[in-house]
C-alpha cells in the first residue's frame, strides 16, 4: 500500500510541476512593449528639453501626445488582462490532468498488479549480455564504449571478447585503447595480450609493433611467459633458430609441470628444431637457390615468386623474402591480378600488415 501512495505522490508532484506555469501567469498591466516604448520616449524628450535641443512649446505638445498614447496603451493592456483562464492556460491545465488520469485508466484496464515482482538479476543488462551470442555482446560493448569511451576496463573486456571471436585486428585496437587509458597502471600481462593480438592479426608473424609491446611487458616483468614465448619466435623468424630454441628451453624450465602451456612450448621447440635442421640441409638450400636462379632468368613466373617468398620465410631468411617480394612486384607492375596475389601472400607470411 505504501508503494502505491508513493506512486500517487510522485504523479501529483509531476503534474504540479507541469501545471505551475499555467497557474501562476504574470499579467503585466504597465510593462507591455508599447508602454515601455512610450515611457522611453518621454524620458528621451525630457533629456532633450533640458539640453535645449527642443523648444519648450514643442516639447510640451510632444509630451502630451506621448502621454495620451501611453494612457491608451495601458488601458488596452488592462483590458487584455481580464480575469478568467486564457484559452492556452485552459488547454495546458486540461492536458496536465488528462495524462495521469489516462495512465491510471489504462493500467486498471490492461495492467497486471497481481503479478509478482521480477528479480533484479533478470532485468540486469549485463546478465542479458552474458546469455547473448558473443558477437552481440561485442557489439553491445562497443556501442556503450562509443558513448562513454573513458572506461579502460570496458575496452579490456571488449578486447578479450574480440579475441574469442578471432577478430584480432579489433582486439588489438581495443587493447591499445585500454593501455592508453590505464597509462602507468598497465601491467605486463596487458602488454603481452596486446602483442599477441597484433601477432595473430599478422597471421602469426611477430611484427615490429608486437615486438615493442612484448619488450614493454619484459621491462615490467622479465619473467612474463607470453612475452618470452613470442620474442623467441621473433628470433626464429629472423633466422636465429639456435637463439629461439635456447630461449624457449629456458621458458620451459621455468614453467610448472602441470601448466597447460607446457605442451605448446615443447611443440614449438620441436618445430623450430626441425626447421633449423631443414634450413641447414644443403639439399634444401640448393633447391631454394636453384629456384631463385630460375626466376632471374625467367621472371614472369608468378607461382615461382610466391614459392620463393614462402621458402625464404620457412628458412628464417626474412630479409631475402622481402627482397623477393619487391622483385615480384617490380616484375608484375602492370598486372593488377598478379599484384593482388603477391600482396595476399605477403600478408599471409607476415611480411607486411
Protein backbone atom coordinates (compact mmCIF):
# COMPACT_ATOMS: atom_id res chain seq x y z
CA UNK A 1 0.00 0.00 0.00
CA UNK A 2 2.82 2.38 0.87
CA UNK A 3 4.25 1.88 -2.62
CA UNK A 4 1.00 2.98 -4.24
CA UNK A 5 0.86 6.07 -2.01
CA UNK A 6 4.41 6.89 -3.11
CA UNK A 7 3.47 6.47 -6.78
CA UNK A 8 0.45 8.75 -6.33
CA UNK A 9 2.58 11.40 -4.62
CA UNK A 10 5.14 11.28 -7.41
CA UNK A 11 2.40 11.58 -10.06
CA UNK A 12 0.88 14.56 -8.23
CA UNK A 13 4.27 16.25 -7.94
CA UNK A 14 4.94 15.73 -11.64
CA UNK A 15 1.51 17.11 -12.57
CA UNK A 16 2.03 20.15 -10.35
CA UNK A 17 5.41 20.85 -11.90
CA UNK A 18 3.82 20.78 -15.37
CA UNK A 19 0.77 22.85 -14.35
CA UNK A 20 2.68 25.53 -12.42
CA UNK A 21 3.49 27.72 -15.45
CA UNK A 22 -0.21 27.77 -16.34
CA UNK A 23 -1.41 28.51 -12.78
CA UNK A 24 0.99 31.35 -11.98
CA UNK A 25 0.93 33.53 -15.08
CA UNK A 26 2.13 37.09 -14.53
CA UNK A 27 -0.05 39.76 -16.17
CA UNK A 28 1.91 42.96 -16.50
CA UNK A 29 -0.52 45.87 -16.83
CA UNK A 30 2.06 48.54 -17.49
CA UNK A 31 5.08 46.60 -18.63
CA UNK A 32 4.00 45.77 -22.19
CA UNK A 33 6.11 46.56 -25.18
CA UNK A 34 4.03 49.59 -26.29
CA UNK A 35 4.01 51.13 -22.81
CA UNK A 36 7.76 50.63 -22.45
CA UNK A 37 8.38 52.38 -25.77
CA UNK A 38 6.26 55.41 -24.82
CA UNK A 39 7.96 55.69 -21.43
CA UNK A 40 11.34 55.62 -23.13
CA UNK A 41 10.16 58.38 -25.48
CA UNK A 42 9.08 60.53 -22.52
CA UNK A 43 12.47 60.09 -20.85
CA UNK A 44 14.28 60.94 -24.09
CA UNK A 45 12.04 64.03 -24.60
CA UNK A 46 12.81 65.22 -21.07
CA UNK A 47 16.57 64.93 -21.70
CA UNK A 48 16.38 66.83 -24.97
CA UNK A 49 14.28 69.56 -23.37
CA UNK A 50 16.73 70.01 -20.53
CA UNK A 51 19.59 70.13 -23.03
CA UNK A 52 17.77 72.89 -25.00
CA UNK A 53 17.56 70.82 -28.19
CA UNK A 54 13.74 71.30 -28.40
CA UNK A 55 11.73 74.45 -27.78
CA UNK A 56 9.59 74.42 -24.66
CA UNK A 57 6.31 74.77 -26.59
CA UNK A 58 7.16 71.94 -28.97
CA UNK A 59 8.33 69.78 -26.07
CA UNK A 60 5.06 70.30 -24.20
CA UNK A 61 3.00 69.39 -27.25
CA UNK A 62 5.05 66.25 -27.84
CA UNK A 63 4.84 65.28 -24.19
CA UNK A 64 1.04 65.49 -24.26
CA UNK A 65 0.82 63.35 -27.38
CA UNK A 66 3.12 60.68 -25.95
CA UNK A 67 1.27 60.71 -22.65
CA UNK A 68 -2.05 60.26 -24.47
CA UNK A 69 -0.67 57.26 -26.34
CA UNK A 70 0.77 55.83 -23.12
CA UNK A 71 -2.59 56.00 -21.37
CA UNK A 72 -4.27 54.33 -24.33
CA UNK A 73 -1.68 51.54 -24.32
CA UNK A 74 -2.10 50.99 -20.56
CA UNK A 75 -5.87 50.80 -20.97
CA UNK A 76 -5.56 48.26 -23.77
CA UNK A 77 -3.24 46.09 -21.68
CA UNK A 78 -5.62 46.21 -18.72
CA UNK A 79 -8.47 45.02 -20.91
CA UNK A 80 -6.29 42.22 -22.30
CA UNK A 81 -5.55 41.05 -18.74
CA UNK A 82 -9.22 40.44 -17.92
CA UNK A 83 -9.93 37.79 -15.22
CA UNK A 84 -10.54 34.15 -16.11
CA UNK A 85 -8.41 31.47 -17.72
CA UNK A 86 -6.96 32.15 -21.13
CA UNK A 87 -7.58 29.59 -23.84
CA UNK A 88 -3.91 28.45 -23.78
CA UNK A 89 -3.98 28.16 -19.99
CA UNK A 90 -7.15 26.07 -20.04
CA UNK A 91 -5.71 23.74 -22.66
CA UNK A 92 -2.45 23.33 -20.69
CA UNK A 93 -4.24 22.51 -17.43
CA UNK A 94 -6.52 20.10 -19.24
CA UNK A 95 -3.62 18.19 -20.76
CA UNK A 96 -1.87 18.11 -17.39
CA UNK A 97 -4.87 16.36 -15.83
CA UNK A 98 -5.62 14.10 -18.80
CA UNK A 99 -2.18 12.39 -18.86
CA UNK A 100 -2.19 10.90 -15.31
CA UNK A 101 -5.90 10.09 -15.46
CA UNK A 102 -5.48 8.29 -18.80
CA UNK A 103 -2.48 6.38 -17.46
CA UNK A 104 -4.49 5.22 -14.45
CA UNK A 105 -7.41 4.10 -16.64
CA UNK A 106 -5.10 2.17 -18.98
CA UNK A 107 -3.32 0.47 -16.08
CA UNK A 108 -6.61 -0.59 -14.48
CA UNK A 109 -7.82 -1.96 -17.83
CA UNK A 110 -4.61 -3.57 -19.08
CA UNK A 111 -2.17 -3.83 -16.18
CA UNK A 112 -1.44 -6.88 -14.01
CA UNK A 113 -0.78 -5.67 -10.45
CA UNK A 114 -1.26 -9.25 -9.24
CA UNK A 115 1.94 -10.45 -10.92
CA UNK A 116 4.95 -10.94 -8.62
CA UNK A 117 7.92 -8.63 -8.95
CA UNK A 118 10.62 -9.59 -11.44
CA UNK A 119 14.01 -10.37 -9.85
CA UNK A 120 16.58 -7.67 -10.37
CA UNK A 121 19.09 -10.10 -11.86
CA UNK A 122 16.75 -10.94 -14.71
CA UNK A 123 16.43 -7.28 -15.56
CA UNK A 124 20.12 -6.60 -15.41
CA UNK A 125 21.53 -5.73 -18.84
CA UNK A 126 24.87 -7.35 -18.14
CA UNK A 127 23.13 -10.60 -17.26
CA UNK A 128 21.26 -10.41 -20.56
CA UNK A 129 24.55 -9.84 -22.35
CA UNK A 130 26.03 -12.96 -20.76
CA UNK A 131 23.23 -15.00 -22.30
CA UNK A 132 23.51 -13.35 -25.73
CA UNK A 133 25.66 -14.60 -28.64
CA UNK A 134 29.25 -13.44 -28.36
CA UNK A 135 29.14 -11.21 -31.42
CA UNK A 136 26.09 -9.42 -29.98
CA UNK A 137 27.94 -8.98 -26.70
CA UNK A 138 30.85 -7.41 -28.56
CA UNK A 139 28.55 -5.07 -30.48
CA UNK A 140 26.73 -4.03 -27.29
CA UNK A 141 30.02 -3.36 -25.52
CA UNK A 142 31.31 -1.35 -28.46
CA UNK A 143 28.15 0.79 -28.53
CA UNK A 144 28.50 1.50 -24.80
CA UNK A 145 32.13 2.49 -25.17
CA UNK A 146 31.39 4.65 -28.20
CA UNK A 147 29.08 6.71 -25.97
CA UNK A 148 31.42 6.67 -22.95
CA UNK A 149 34.96 5.78 -24.12
CA UNK A 150 36.79 6.57 -20.90
CA UNK A 151 36.48 3.16 -19.23
CA UNK A 152 39.68 1.14 -19.51
CA UNK A 153 38.06 -1.99 -18.06
CA UNK A 154 35.37 -1.83 -20.72
CA UNK A 155 37.96 -1.73 -23.51
CA UNK A 156 39.80 -4.62 -21.87
CA UNK A 157 36.63 -6.70 -21.76
CA UNK A 158 35.89 -5.81 -25.38
CA UNK A 159 39.41 -6.83 -26.44
CA UNK A 160 39.06 -10.23 -24.76
CA UNK A 161 35.69 -10.72 -26.43
CA UNK A 162 37.17 -9.91 -29.84
CA UNK A 163 39.98 -12.41 -29.17
CA UNK A 164 37.44 -15.16 -28.54
CA UNK A 165 35.74 -14.20 -31.80
CA UNK A 166 39.15 -14.30 -33.56
CA UNK A 167 38.69 -10.66 -34.63
CA UNK A 168 42.32 -9.94 -33.91
CA UNK A 169 42.64 -6.53 -35.57
CA UNK A 170 39.77 -5.17 -33.49
CA UNK A 171 41.13 -6.88 -30.38
CA UNK A 172 44.49 -5.16 -30.88
CA UNK A 173 42.79 -1.77 -31.22
CA UNK A 174 40.77 -2.35 -28.04
CA UNK A 175 43.87 -3.44 -26.11
CA UNK A 176 45.65 -0.32 -27.34
CA UNK A 177 42.82 1.89 -26.04
CA UNK A 178 42.92 0.14 -22.66
CA UNK A 179 46.68 0.67 -22.39
CA UNK A 180 46.33 4.37 -23.27
CA UNK A 181 43.65 4.85 -20.61
CA UNK A 182 45.49 2.90 -17.90
CA UNK A 183 48.81 4.64 -18.51
CA UNK A 184 51.29 3.71 -15.80
CA UNK A 185 48.79 1.22 -14.33
CA UNK A 186 49.03 -1.07 -17.38
CA UNK A 187 50.81 -4.27 -16.33
CA UNK A 188 52.96 -6.78 -18.21
CA UNK A 189 50.05 -9.11 -18.94
CA UNK A 190 48.18 -6.33 -20.72
CA UNK A 191 51.14 -5.50 -22.96
CA UNK A 192 51.60 -9.20 -23.72
CA UNK A 193 47.94 -9.57 -24.65
CA UNK A 194 48.24 -6.54 -26.91
CA UNK A 195 51.33 -8.00 -28.60
CA UNK A 196 49.63 -11.38 -29.05
CA UNK A 197 46.64 -9.73 -30.74
CA UNK A 198 48.97 -7.87 -33.10
CA UNK A 199 50.83 -11.10 -33.87
CA UNK A 200 47.68 -13.09 -34.60
CA UNK A 201 46.33 -10.24 -36.72
CA UNK A 202 49.52 -10.53 -38.81
CA UNK A 203 48.97 -14.22 -39.40
CA UNK A 204 51.35 -15.39 -36.69
CA UNK A 205 54.27 -13.12 -37.57
CA UNK A 206 55.71 -11.10 -34.70
CA UNK A 207 55.58 -7.61 -36.18
CA UNK A 208 57.62 -4.62 -35.03
CA UNK A 209 54.62 -3.20 -33.17
CA UNK A 210 54.11 -6.53 -31.43
CA UNK A 211 57.81 -6.69 -30.58
CA UNK A 212 57.57 -3.29 -28.91
CA UNK A 213 54.58 -4.47 -26.87
CA UNK A 214 56.39 -7.64 -25.75
CA UNK A 215 59.50 -5.63 -24.92
CA UNK A 216 57.40 -3.32 -22.75
CA UNK A 217 56.00 -6.37 -20.96
CA UNK A 218 59.54 -7.65 -20.35
CA UNK A 219 60.55 -4.34 -18.79
CA UNK A 220 57.67 -4.61 -16.35
CA UNK A 221 58.14 -8.35 -15.68
CA UNK A 222 61.20 -10.15 -17.12
CA UNK A 223 59.58 -13.49 -16.25
CA UNK A 224 56.35 -12.78 -18.16
CA UNK A 225 55.75 -16.07 -20.08
CA UNK A 226 53.81 -14.83 -23.15
CA UNK A 227 56.31 -12.10 -23.99
CA UNK A 228 59.23 -14.54 -23.60
CA UNK A 229 57.49 -17.01 -25.92
CA UNK A 230 56.76 -14.52 -28.69
CA UNK A 231 60.14 -12.80 -28.52
CA UNK A 232 61.70 -16.24 -29.01
CA UNK A 233 59.53 -16.66 -32.12
CA UNK A 234 60.75 -13.27 -33.33
CA UNK A 235 64.30 -14.61 -33.18
CA UNK A 236 63.28 -17.65 -35.17
CA UNK A 237 61.59 -15.50 -37.79
CA UNK A 238 64.80 -13.52 -38.10
CA UNK A 239 66.77 -16.69 -38.79
CA UNK A 240 68.24 -17.17 -35.30
CA UNK A 241 66.94 -20.70 -34.72
CA UNK A 242 69.51 -21.63 -32.04
CA UNK A 243 68.74 -18.48 -30.05
CA UNK A 244 64.99 -19.06 -30.32
CA UNK A 245 65.28 -22.67 -29.17
CA UNK A 246 67.51 -21.67 -26.26
CA UNK A 247 65.01 -19.03 -25.10
CA UNK A 248 62.12 -21.46 -25.34
CA UNK A 249 64.02 -24.12 -23.41
CA UNK A 250 64.65 -21.58 -20.66
CA UNK A 251 60.95 -20.71 -20.65
CA UNK A 252 60.04 -24.39 -20.48
CA UNK A 253 62.34 -24.85 -17.47
CA UNK A 254 60.50 -22.01 -15.64
CA UNK A 255 57.06 -23.41 -16.47
CA UNK A 256 55.36 -25.65 -13.86
CA UNK A 257 54.89 -29.29 -14.82
CA UNK A 258 51.10 -29.07 -14.68
CA UNK A 259 50.85 -25.76 -16.58
CA UNK A 260 48.65 -26.00 -19.71
CA UNK A 261 51.19 -24.07 -21.80
CA UNK A 262 53.99 -26.63 -21.37
CA UNK A 263 52.87 -28.82 -24.31
CA UNK A 264 52.62 -25.72 -26.52
CA UNK A 265 56.15 -24.62 -25.67
CA UNK A 266 57.56 -28.12 -26.14
CA UNK A 267 55.84 -28.50 -29.52
CA UNK A 268 57.21 -25.17 -30.70
CA UNK A 269 60.75 -26.17 -29.66
CA UNK A 270 60.43 -29.37 -31.68
CA UNK A 271 59.07 -27.49 -34.68
CA UNK A 272 61.89 -24.95 -34.62
CA UNK A 273 64.50 -27.67 -34.29
CA UNK A 274 63.10 -29.41 -37.37
CA UNK A 275 63.04 -26.09 -39.22
CA UNK A 276 66.63 -25.47 -38.22
CA UNK A 277 67.65 -28.89 -39.48
CA UNK A 278 65.89 -28.24 -42.77
CA UNK A 279 67.47 -24.79 -43.11
CA UNK A 280 70.90 -26.30 -42.63
CA UNK A 281 70.24 -29.11 -45.09
CA UNK A 282 72.45 -28.50 -48.17
CA UNK A 283 69.90 -30.05 -50.50
CA UNK A 284 67.15 -27.70 -49.31
CA UNK A 285 69.45 -24.72 -49.67
CA UNK A 286 70.38 -25.83 -53.19
CA UNK A 287 66.72 -26.17 -54.18
CA UNK A 288 65.87 -22.65 -52.98
CA UNK A 289 68.94 -21.15 -54.67
CA UNK A 290 68.03 -23.00 -57.88
CA UNK A 291 64.51 -21.54 -57.76
CA UNK A 292 65.93 -18.05 -57.30
CA UNK A 293 68.24 -18.56 -60.31
CA UNK A 294 65.36 -19.71 -62.49
CA UNK A 295 63.35 -16.62 -61.60
CA UNK A 296 66.29 -14.41 -62.50
CA UNK A 297 66.33 -16.00 -65.95
CA UNK A 298 62.53 -16.16 -66.38
CA UNK A 299 60.91 -13.63 -64.02
CA UNK A 300 57.39 -13.94 -65.48
CA UNK A 301 56.60 -16.88 -63.20
CA UNK A 302 54.15 -15.75 -60.53
CA UNK A 303 53.88 -19.13 -58.78
CA UNK A 304 57.67 -19.28 -58.62
CA UNK A 305 57.89 -15.92 -56.82
CA UNK A 306 55.20 -16.95 -54.34
CA UNK A 307 57.05 -20.20 -53.64
CA UNK A 308 60.38 -18.43 -53.25
CA UNK A 309 58.92 -15.96 -50.74
CA UNK A 310 57.41 -18.84 -48.75
CA UNK A 311 60.66 -20.83 -48.83
CA UNK A 312 62.71 -17.92 -47.54
CA UNK A 313 60.28 -17.36 -44.66
CA UNK A 314 60.32 -21.07 -43.75
CA UNK A 315 64.11 -20.97 -43.68
CA UNK A 316 64.10 -17.91 -41.45
CA UNK A 317 65.56 -15.71 -44.18
CA UNK A 318 63.07 -12.87 -43.78
CA UNK A 319 65.25 -10.23 -45.43
CA UNK A 320 65.62 -12.41 -48.54
CA UNK A 321 61.83 -12.93 -48.54
CA UNK A 322 61.27 -9.16 -48.54
CA UNK A 323 63.76 -8.76 -51.39
CA UNK A 324 61.88 -11.40 -53.38
CA UNK A 325 58.61 -9.59 -52.63
CA UNK A 326 59.98 -6.33 -54.01
CA UNK A 327 61.30 -8.03 -57.17
CA UNK A 328 57.96 -9.79 -57.73
CA UNK A 329 56.08 -6.52 -57.53
CA UNK A 330 58.51 -4.87 -59.90
CA UNK A 331 58.12 -7.74 -62.39
CA UNK A 332 54.30 -7.65 -62.36
CA UNK A 333 53.90 -3.89 -62.00
CA UNK A 334 51.24 -3.69 -64.73
CA UNK A 335 49.25 -6.79 -63.73
CA UNK A 336 46.63 -5.91 -61.11
CA UNK A 337 45.53 -9.52 -60.53
CA UNK A 338 49.11 -10.72 -60.01
CA UNK A 339 49.86 -7.84 -57.66
CA UNK A 340 46.83 -8.77 -55.57
CA UNK A 341 48.06 -12.37 -55.24
CA UNK A 342 51.51 -11.13 -54.27
CA UNK A 343 50.04 -8.80 -51.62
CA UNK A 344 47.88 -11.60 -50.22
CA UNK A 345 50.88 -13.91 -49.92
CA UNK A 346 52.91 -11.15 -48.24
CA UNK A 347 50.17 -10.68 -45.66
CA UNK A 348 49.89 -14.42 -45.11
CA UNK A 349 53.64 -14.70 -44.50
CA UNK A 350 53.64 -11.67 -42.22
CA UNK A 351 55.94 -9.68 -44.47
CA UNK A 352 53.53 -6.76 -44.23
CA UNK A 353 50.29 -6.00 -42.44
